[in-house]
Amino acid sequence: MKLISFYLKKIKIIEICLIGFFIRSLTLILYNKLNFGDSQTHIEIGQKIFNGDFIPTPIHMPGYGVWLHTFNYLIQNEYGVIFADIIISSLTIYIIYKLSNEIFNDKIVSKIASLVFAFYPISIFFSINILSESLYVFLIFLAILLLYKKHFILSIVILVLGIYVKSITYYIAPIIIIIFSRYIYKHRFKKILQNLLKYLIISSFLLSPWWIHNYKKYNQFVNLNFAFGFHLYAGNNPLNKSGGGIGGRDVDHSIIQDLAKHDPTKTDKLFKKEAYNFILNNPYDFLKITLVKFLRFWSFYPYTIKDHKNLDQVDIIKDKNIYKIISFISYGSVFFLSLLFIFSYLRKFFYRLLPLLTIIFLYTFAYTLTIVSMRYRFPIEPILIIFASYAAKEILLKKVK
């Protein structure tokens, strides 16, 4: 333990980031990337946008498609975006270090947190598989770090870029701004409104190109996309028993899409109507599937489906126990240590950590209401790593003493 403590004091954050970069690069060389349906969708989105066309899907945002197409074009092959994702994932190690230090003012905790993320298997996995998670997590935690440093305007700009990657950010961002204003900086009501007004003005300006695209495509104002209705119905319909959103197994969207003649706006209204009817008319089934989704959201290992050919979600792994073992050891350790932190040390830092606790709650609520995948939990796992690192440091120091 004394040796570990010694190296934690000696190692520098730049070295930890380089270790993370090396591990991700080596993994890319040793293991073939998987082919996900979402990856192909983002490739097509990028191509359509750069050709001046409408994006082909009503439920995706264009941010990752633009990111993907830009780097593939610069490097002139499909690995351009993977190199970019590896770099951005490695930079996230530094963001987690800075955020941990901002919260606890403890470089040992910060180094533990950054080291854990550098070696964290799911982070490595996302960085090499052409999925939006690495970019999204970088943007969200950079924005959070900037909020802790009271750089509200720059943080809002980053948050809006996050909206372009995942639309859920649009609803979470103002809540986070309120929490920071009220509980971190003790702003009064007028100042909180001013910060929200900044968010409204900046987001309206930066989202205006997307609004113009949607108006031209749908002949009406569409703020973000039609993902909420699509996923709400997927998670709340008679077919869904697992909490996921696999077409033909958990949900059949085609019935309503055919009924609405594949008009996205009409389809969205019908999806929401049917989902709300299911919830109101089947309260017991709704509570049951919500519990299933909650437990799946916090599960220690990926959800498995035998003999399912369409690998369109990260947590559908074809009967490979090695993934379960890796996930249980990595995420499971972080989970239990973060619980130890919550029960033993949270009171000391409660208001300082309230924004992060709010993020955990919001993501958990949003996805247990709709559908669950291991991907959807990833944006809160760096928070758990930060919590777990503080608990690990306390255990380490006690052992040293």
Protein backbone atom coordinates (compact mmCIF):
# COMPACT_ATOMS: atom_id res chain seq x y z
CA MET A 1 0.00 0.00 0.00
CA LYS A 2 2.88 2.37 0.74
CA LEU A 3 4.25 1.64 -2.74
CA ILE A 4 0.88 2.49 -4.32
CA SER A 5 0.71 5.70 -2.33
CA PHE A 6 4.25 6.57 -3.42
CA TYR A 7 3.50 6.10 -7.12
CA LEU A 8 0.23 8.02 -6.86
CA LYS A 9 2.18 10.99 -5.55
CA LYS A 10 4.87 10.70 -8.23
CA ILE A 11 2.82 10.03 -11.36
CA LYS A 12 1.73 13.05 -13.40
CA ILE A 13 -1.62 13.55 -15.08
CA ILE A 14 0.00 13.83 -18.53
CA GLU A 15 1.48 10.36 -17.97
CA ILE A 16 -1.95 8.99 -17.01
CA CYS A 17 -3.49 10.48 -20.16
CA LEU A 18 -0.73 8.96 -22.30
CA ILE A 19 -1.31 5.59 -20.63
CA GLY A 20 -5.00 5.86 -21.48
CA PHE A 21 -4.18 6.78 -25.08
CA PHE A 22 -1.78 3.83 -25.39
CA ILE A 23 -4.29 1.35 -23.96
CA ARG A 24 -7.02 2.52 -26.35
CA SER A 25 -4.69 2.43 -29.34
CA LEU A 26 -3.42 -1.04 -28.43
CA THR A 27 -6.97 -2.30 -28.01
CA LEU A 28 -7.85 -1.01 -31.47
CA ILE A 29 -4.90 -2.95 -32.91
CA LEU A 30 -5.60 -6.20 -31.04
CA TYR A 31 -9.40 -6.34 -31.32
CA ASN A 32 -11.65 -5.80 -34.31
CA LYS A 33 -14.26 -3.09 -33.91
CA LEU A 34 -17.91 -4.20 -33.94
CA ASN A 35 -20.50 -3.08 -36.46
CA PHE A 36 -23.44 -1.34 -34.82
CA GLY A 37 -26.60 -0.12 -36.49
CA ASP A 38 -26.17 3.32 -34.91
CA SER A 39 -22.68 3.61 -36.40
CA GLN A 40 -24.04 3.12 -39.91
CA THR A 41 -26.80 5.64 -39.19
CA HIS A 42 -24.28 8.29 -38.09
CA ILE A 43 -22.15 7.61 -41.18
CA GLU A 44 -25.18 8.24 -43.37
CA ILE A 45 -26.14 11.36 -41.38
CA GLY A 46 -22.68 12.83 -41.94
CA GLN A 47 -22.76 12.07 -45.66
CA LYS A 48 -26.22 13.62 -46.08
CA ILE A 49 -25.35 16.80 -44.22
CA PHE A 50 -22.13 17.40 -46.15
CA ASN A 51 -24.03 16.78 -49.39
CA GLY A 52 -26.59 19.42 -48.39
CA ASP A 53 -29.41 16.89 -47.90
CA PHE A 54 -31.79 16.24 -45.02
CA ILE A 55 -30.65 13.67 -42.48
CA PRO A 56 -32.40 10.33 -43.11
CA THR A 57 -33.68 9.61 -39.59
CA PRO A 58 -36.20 11.51 -37.46
CA ILE A 59 -34.85 10.24 -34.12
CA HIS A 60 -31.15 11.17 -34.26
CA MET A 61 -29.29 14.43 -33.76
CA PRO A 62 -26.62 15.36 -36.32
CA GLY A 63 -23.65 16.12 -34.05
CA TYR A 64 -21.83 12.81 -34.05
CA GLY A 65 -22.49 12.33 -37.77
CA VAL A 66 -20.75 15.65 -38.48
CA TRP A 67 -17.89 14.74 -36.13
CA LEU A 68 -17.53 11.33 -37.78
CA HIS A 69 -17.63 12.58 -41.36
CA THR A 70 -15.18 15.41 -40.67
CA PHE A 71 -12.41 13.18 -39.32
CA ASN A 72 -13.01 10.39 -41.82
CA TYR A 73 -12.71 13.00 -44.57
CA LEU A 74 -9.53 14.51 -43.10
CA ILE A 75 -7.79 11.14 -42.80
CA GLN A 76 -9.56 9.67 -45.85
CA ASN A 77 -10.62 6.38 -44.25
CA GLU A 78 -13.12 5.03 -41.73
CA TYR A 79 -10.56 5.07 -38.92
CA GLY A 80 -10.43 8.85 -38.84
CA VAL A 81 -13.27 9.10 -36.35
CA ILE A 82 -11.85 6.27 -34.25
CA PHE A 83 -8.56 8.13 -33.87
CA ALA A 84 -10.55 11.25 -32.94
CA ASP A 85 -12.63 9.29 -30.41
CA ILE A 86 -9.49 7.79 -28.87
CA ILE A 87 -8.01 11.26 -28.46
CA ILE A 88 -11.22 12.71 -27.01
CA SER A 89 -11.54 9.75 -24.63
CA SER A 90 -7.94 10.30 -23.51
CA LEU A 91 -8.66 14.00 -22.96
CA THR A 92 -11.65 13.01 -20.82
CA ILE A 93 -9.14 11.43 -18.42
CA TYR A 94 -7.74 14.92 -17.88
CA ILE A 95 -11.24 16.41 -17.50
CA ILE A 96 -12.06 13.86 -14.79
CA TYR A 97 -8.78 14.68 -13.03
CA LYS A 98 -9.56 18.41 -13.05
CA LEU A 99 -13.19 17.89 -12.02
CA SER A 100 -12.22 15.62 -9.11
CA ASN A 101 -9.68 18.15 -7.92
CA GLU A 102 -12.19 20.97 -8.27
CA ILE A 103 -14.60 19.10 -6.01
CA PHE A 104 -12.31 17.58 -3.39
CA ASN A 105 -9.13 19.65 -3.76
CA ASP A 106 -7.20 16.39 -3.40
CA LYS A 107 -4.67 15.36 -6.06
CA ILE A 108 -4.51 11.75 -4.85
CA VAL A 109 -8.27 11.34 -5.35
CA SER A 110 -7.96 13.06 -8.73
CA LYS A 111 -5.17 10.75 -9.85
CA ILE A 112 -7.06 7.66 -8.73
CA ALA A 113 -10.16 8.79 -10.64
CA SER A 114 -8.18 9.53 -13.80
CA LEU A 115 -6.31 6.23 -13.58
CA VAL A 116 -9.56 4.29 -13.16
CA PHE A 117 -11.06 6.00 -16.21
CA ALA A 118 -7.85 5.41 -18.21
CA PHE A 119 -8.21 1.66 -17.64
CA TYR A 120 -12.03 1.56 -17.57
CA PRO A 121 -13.10 -1.16 -20.04
CA ILE A 122 -16.37 0.40 -21.18
CA SER A 123 -14.63 3.71 -21.92
CA ILE A 124 -12.02 1.88 -23.97
CA PHE A 125 -14.79 -0.03 -25.76
CA PHE A 126 -16.69 3.10 -26.78
CA SER A 127 -13.53 4.85 -27.96
CA ILE A 128 -12.87 2.28 -30.71
CA ASN A 129 -16.37 1.37 -31.91
CA ILE A 130 -17.74 4.43 -33.76
CA LEU A 131 -20.37 5.32 -31.17
CA SER A 132 -21.23 8.78 -29.88
CA GLU A 133 -20.59 8.08 -26.21
CA SER A 134 -16.92 9.18 -26.04
CA LEU A 135 -17.65 12.55 -27.63
CA TYR A 136 -20.80 13.05 -25.57
CA VAL A 137 -19.17 12.27 -22.22
CA PHE A 138 -16.26 14.59 -23.03
CA LEU A 139 -18.63 17.48 -23.81
CA ILE A 140 -20.87 16.95 -20.78
CA PHE A 141 -18.04 16.72 -18.26
CA LEU A 142 -16.16 19.61 -19.82
CA ALA A 143 -19.35 21.66 -19.43
CA ILE A 144 -19.72 20.56 -15.80
CA LEU A 145 -16.09 21.43 -15.06
CA LEU A 146 -16.62 24.88 -16.57
CA LEU A 147 -19.72 25.38 -14.43
CA TYR A 148 -17.73 24.53 -11.30
CA LYS A 149 -15.24 27.18 -12.43
CA LYS A 150 -18.12 29.65 -12.96
CA HIS A 151 -17.62 29.95 -16.73
CA PHE A 152 -21.36 29.92 -17.43
CA ILE A 153 -21.39 31.18 -21.01
CA LEU A 154 -18.67 28.85 -22.28
CA SER A 155 -20.28 25.97 -20.42
CA ILE A 156 -23.64 26.69 -22.07
CA VAL A 157 -21.96 26.66 -25.50
CA ILE A 158 -20.48 23.23 -24.73
CA LEU A 159 -23.84 21.99 -23.43
CA VAL A 160 -25.52 23.01 -26.69
CA LEU A 161 -22.87 21.06 -28.60
CA GLY A 162 -23.89 18.16 -26.34
CA ILE A 163 -27.50 18.66 -27.45
CA TYR A 164 -26.37 18.21 -31.04
CA VAL A 165 -24.99 14.79 -30.00
CA LYS A 166 -27.84 13.66 -27.71
CA SER A 167 -31.11 15.57 -27.45
CA ILE A 168 -31.70 14.61 -23.80
CA THR A 169 -29.15 17.31 -22.90
CA TYR A 170 -31.66 20.00 -23.89
CA TYR A 171 -33.87 19.11 -20.91
CA ILE A 172 -31.10 18.34 -18.44
CA ALA A 173 -29.00 21.46 -19.07
CA PRO A 174 -31.35 24.09 -17.56
CA ILE A 175 -31.88 21.97 -14.44
CA ILE A 176 -28.12 21.67 -13.96
CA ILE A 177 -27.70 25.43 -14.45
CA ILE A 178 -30.34 26.05 -11.76
CA ILE A 179 -28.63 23.67 -9.34
CA PHE A 180 -25.23 25.30 -9.87
CA SER A 181 -26.67 28.79 -9.53
CA ARG A 182 -28.66 28.09 -6.39
CA TYR A 183 -26.56 25.61 -4.42
CA ILE A 184 -22.96 26.10 -5.58
CA TYR A 185 -22.93 29.89 -6.03
CA LYS A 186 -25.90 30.79 -3.80
CA HIS A 187 -27.42 33.02 -6.45
CA ARG A 188 -30.71 34.72 -5.76
CA PHE A 189 -33.80 34.26 -7.90
CA LYS A 190 -32.99 37.16 -10.25
CA LYS A 191 -29.50 35.86 -10.98
CA ILE A 192 -30.81 32.35 -11.58
CA LEU A 193 -33.26 33.74 -14.15
CA GLN A 194 -30.41 35.64 -15.81
CA ASN A 195 -28.40 32.44 -16.14
CA LEU A 196 -31.41 30.63 -17.61
CA LEU A 197 -31.94 33.51 -20.02
CA LYS A 198 -28.32 33.15 -21.14
CA TYR A 199 -29.01 29.47 -21.80
CA LEU A 200 -32.16 30.29 -23.75
CA ILE A 201 -30.46 32.93 -25.92
CA ILE A 202 -27.28 30.94 -26.62
CA SER A 203 -29.11 27.65 -27.26
CA SER A 204 -31.60 29.39 -29.56
CA PHE A 205 -28.79 30.96 -31.58
CA LEU A 206 -26.71 27.78 -31.85
CA LEU A 207 -29.69 25.50 -32.54
CA SER A 208 -31.15 27.78 -35.23
CA PRO A 209 -29.40 25.93 -38.13
CA TRP A 210 -31.00 22.71 -36.88
CA TRP A 211 -34.40 24.38 -36.60
CA ILE A 212 -34.09 25.62 -40.19
CA HIS A 213 -33.19 22.10 -41.33
CA ASN A 214 -36.20 20.64 -39.50
CA TYR A 215 -38.59 23.29 -40.83
CA LYS A 216 -37.52 22.59 -44.38
CA LYS A 217 -37.78 18.84 -43.82
CA TYR A 218 -41.09 18.70 -41.90
CA ASN A 219 -42.75 21.99 -42.94
CA GLN A 220 -43.18 22.91 -39.29
CA PHE A 221 -41.09 23.86 -36.26
CA VAL A 222 -39.45 20.83 -34.66
CA ASN A 223 -37.27 21.73 -31.70
CA LEU A 224 -35.02 18.66 -31.53
CA ASN A 225 -36.19 15.36 -33.03
CA PHE A 226 -38.84 12.67 -32.54
CA ALA A 227 -36.77 10.37 -30.33
CA PHE A 228 -38.80 10.81 -27.14
CA GLY A 229 -42.07 9.46 -28.53
CA PHE A 230 -40.24 6.65 -30.34
CA HIS A 231 -38.45 5.48 -27.19
CA LEU A 232 -41.33 6.17 -24.81
CA TYR A 233 -43.54 3.81 -26.82
CA ALA A 234 -40.70 1.27 -27.10
CA GLY A 235 -40.42 1.13 -23.32
CA ASN A 236 -44.14 1.21 -22.57
CA ASN A 237 -46.08 -1.23 -24.74
CA PRO A 238 -47.48 -4.74 -24.22
CA LEU A 239 -44.54 -6.46 -25.96
CA ASN A 240 -41.83 -5.04 -23.74
CA LYS A 241 -40.78 -7.46 -21.00
CA SER A 242 -37.01 -6.85 -20.90
CA GLY A 243 -36.83 -3.04 -20.70
CA GLY A 244 -34.88 -2.75 -23.96
CA GLY A 245 -35.96 -1.45 -27.33
CA ILE A 246 -35.26 -4.18 -29.86
CA GLY A 247 -37.60 -4.01 -32.84
CA GLY A 248 -39.66 -7.16 -33.21
CA ARG A 249 -38.89 -8.29 -29.68
CA ASP A 250 -39.58 -5.46 -27.25
CA VAL A 251 -41.64 -3.31 -29.58
CA ASP A 252 -43.18 -3.18 -33.05
CA HIS A 253 -43.04 0.39 -34.27
CA SER A 254 -44.21 -0.52 -37.77
CA ILE A 255 -47.89 -0.84 -36.80
CA ILE A 256 -48.16 2.79 -35.75
CA GLN A 257 -45.81 3.99 -38.49
CA ASP A 258 -48.03 2.34 -41.10
CA LEU A 259 -51.15 3.78 -39.47
CA ALA A 260 -49.61 7.28 -39.65
CA LYS A 261 -48.44 6.63 -43.23
CA HIS A 262 -44.85 7.14 -42.02
CA ASP A 263 -45.41 10.83 -41.38
CA PRO A 264 -42.89 11.55 -38.55
CA THR A 265 -45.02 14.22 -36.84
CA LYS A 266 -48.18 12.09 -36.86
CA THR A 267 -46.22 9.01 -35.86
CA ASP A 268 -44.68 10.87 -32.91
CA LYS A 269 -48.12 11.91 -31.62
CA LEU A 270 -49.45 8.36 -31.94
CA PHE A 271 -46.40 6.88 -30.20
CA LYS A 272 -46.91 9.22 -27.24
CA LYS A 273 -50.67 8.64 -27.16
CA GLU A 274 -50.29 4.85 -27.15
CA ALA A 275 -47.54 4.97 -24.52
CA TYR A 276 -49.58 7.22 -22.22
CA ASN A 277 -52.63 4.98 -22.68
CA PHE A 278 -50.56 1.93 -21.77
CA ILE A 279 -49.27 3.62 -18.62
CA LEU A 280 -52.72 4.85 -17.51
CA ASN A 281 -54.60 1.65 -18.35
CA ASN A 282 -51.96 -0.79 -17.08
CA PRO A 283 -50.48 0.75 -13.92
CA TYR A 284 -49.31 -2.60 -12.52
CA ASP A 285 -47.57 -3.57 -15.78
CA PHE A 286 -46.05 -0.09 -16.00
CA LEU A 287 -44.63 -0.31 -12.48
CA LYS A 288 -43.35 -3.81 -13.18
CA ILE A 289 -41.53 -2.88 -16.40
CA THR A 290 -40.21 0.32 -14.77
CA LEU A 291 -38.63 -1.78 -12.01
CA VAL A 292 -37.17 -4.11 -14.65
CA LYS A 293 -35.68 -1.11 -16.46
CA PHE A 294 -34.32 0.39 -13.24
CA LEU A 295 -32.56 -2.85 -12.30
CA ARG A 296 -31.26 -3.28 -15.83
CA PHE A 297 -29.95 0.31 -15.83
CA TRP A 298 -27.86 -0.42 -12.74
CA SER A 299 -26.98 -4.03 -13.66
CA PHE A 300 -23.40 -5.20 -13.09
CA TYR A 301 -23.10 -6.80 -16.52
CA PRO A 302 -24.50 -6.40 -20.04
CA TYR A 303 -27.94 -7.70 -20.88
CA THR A 304 -27.55 -10.84 -23.01
CA ILE A 305 -29.76 -12.28 -25.70
CA LYS A 306 -28.93 -15.63 -27.22
CA ASP A 307 -29.07 -16.03 -31.00
CA HIS A 308 -30.02 -12.44 -31.74
CA LYS A 309 -28.46 -11.44 -35.05
CA ASN A 310 -29.08 -7.69 -34.97
CA LEU A 311 -26.38 -6.27 -32.73
CA ASP A 312 -27.89 -2.80 -32.61
CA GLN A 313 -27.37 -2.09 -28.92
CA VAL A 314 -24.15 -2.23 -26.96
CA ASP A 315 -25.62 -4.36 -24.20
CA ILE A 316 -26.69 -7.20 -26.50
CA ILE A 317 -23.76 -9.58 -26.34
CA LYS A 318 -24.15 -13.04 -27.77
CA ASP A 319 -23.60 -15.28 -24.75
CA LYS A 320 -20.02 -14.18 -23.97
CA ASN A 321 -19.30 -14.58 -20.29
CA ILE A 322 -16.01 -12.68 -20.58
CA TYR A 323 -17.98 -9.44 -21.03
CA LYS A 324 -19.94 -10.17 -17.88
CA ILE A 325 -16.77 -10.86 -15.90
CA ILE A 326 -15.01 -7.69 -17.10
CA SER A 327 -18.10 -5.56 -16.45
CA PHE A 328 -18.69 -7.05 -13.00
CA ILE A 329 -15.09 -6.48 -11.91
CA SER A 330 -14.78 -2.93 -13.31
CA TYR A 331 -18.21 -1.37 -12.95
CA GLY A 332 -19.08 -3.56 -9.94
CA SER A 333 -16.01 -2.35 -8.03
CA VAL A 334 -16.79 1.28 -8.89
CA PHE A 335 -20.43 0.81 -7.90
CA PHE A 336 -19.70 -0.64 -4.45
CA LEU A 337 -16.99 1.91 -3.69
CA SER A 338 -19.31 4.74 -4.76
CA LEU A 339 -21.96 3.33 -2.40
CA LEU A 340 -19.36 3.36 0.37
CA PHE A 341 -18.66 7.00 -0.44
CA ILE A 342 -22.37 7.89 -0.39
CA PHE A 343 -23.00 6.26 2.98
CA SER A 344 -19.75 7.34 4.64
CA TYR A 345 -18.63 10.65 3.15
CA LEU A 346 -21.42 12.23 1.10
CA ARG A 347 -22.74 14.41 3.94
CA LYS A 348 -19.44 16.26 4.07
CA PHE A 349 -19.66 17.26 0.37
CA PHE A 350 -23.40 17.10 -0.25
CA TYR A 351 -24.05 20.58 -1.64
CA ARG A 352 -20.76 20.59 -3.54
CA LEU A 353 -21.83 17.36 -5.21
CA LEU A 354 -25.51 18.18 -5.68
CA PRO A 355 -25.11 18.90 -9.43
CA LEU A 356 -23.54 15.46 -9.97
CA LEU A 357 -26.19 13.75 -7.86
CA THR A 358 -28.85 15.55 -9.91
CA ILE A 359 -27.30 14.25 -13.13
CA ILE A 360 -27.40 10.69 -11.80
CA PHE A 361 -31.06 11.09 -10.89
CA LEU A 362 -32.07 12.71 -14.19
CA TYR A 363 -30.43 10.10 -16.41
CA THR A 364 -31.80 7.26 -14.31
CA PHE A 365 -35.31 8.74 -14.43
CA ALA A 366 -35.23 9.48 -18.16
CA TYR A 367 -34.14 6.01 -19.22
CA THR A 368 -36.22 4.00 -16.78
CA LEU A 369 -39.18 5.91 -18.21
CA THR A 370 -38.22 5.01 -21.79
CA ILE A 371 -35.75 2.21 -22.62
CA VAL A 372 -32.49 1.00 -21.12
CA SER A 373 -29.13 0.10 -22.62
CA MET A 374 -25.69 -0.05 -21.06
CA ARG A 375 -24.83 2.90 -23.32
CA TYR A 376 -27.32 5.13 -21.55
CA ARG A 377 -25.69 4.65 -18.15
CA PHE A 378 -22.21 5.53 -19.36
CA PRO A 379 -22.58 9.34 -18.94
CA ILE A 380 -23.01 8.90 -15.18
CA GLU A 381 -20.24 6.34 -14.67
CA PRO A 382 -17.47 8.99 -14.49
CA ILE A 383 -19.38 10.45 -11.54
CA LEU A 384 -19.42 7.05 -9.84
CA ILE A 385 -15.69 6.76 -10.56
CA ILE A 386 -15.07 10.11 -8.84
CA PHE A 387 -17.10 9.00 -5.81
CA ALA A 388 -15.38 5.61 -5.73
CA SER A 389 -11.94 7.21 -5.95
CA TYR A 390 -12.49 9.23 -2.81
CA ALA A 391 -13.54 6.08 -0.93
CA ALA A 392 -10.53 4.19 -2.36
CA LYS A 393 -8.19 6.94 -1.21
CA GLU A 394 -9.60 6.83 2.31
CA ILE A 395 -9.16 3.05 2.44
CA LEU A 396 -5.63 3.34 1.02
CA LEU A 397 -4.53 5.97 3.52
CA LYS A 398 -5.91 3.98 6.45
CA LYS A 399 -3.96 0.95 5.26
CA VAL A 400 -0.82 3.05 4.93
CA LYS A 401 -1.25 4.42 8.44
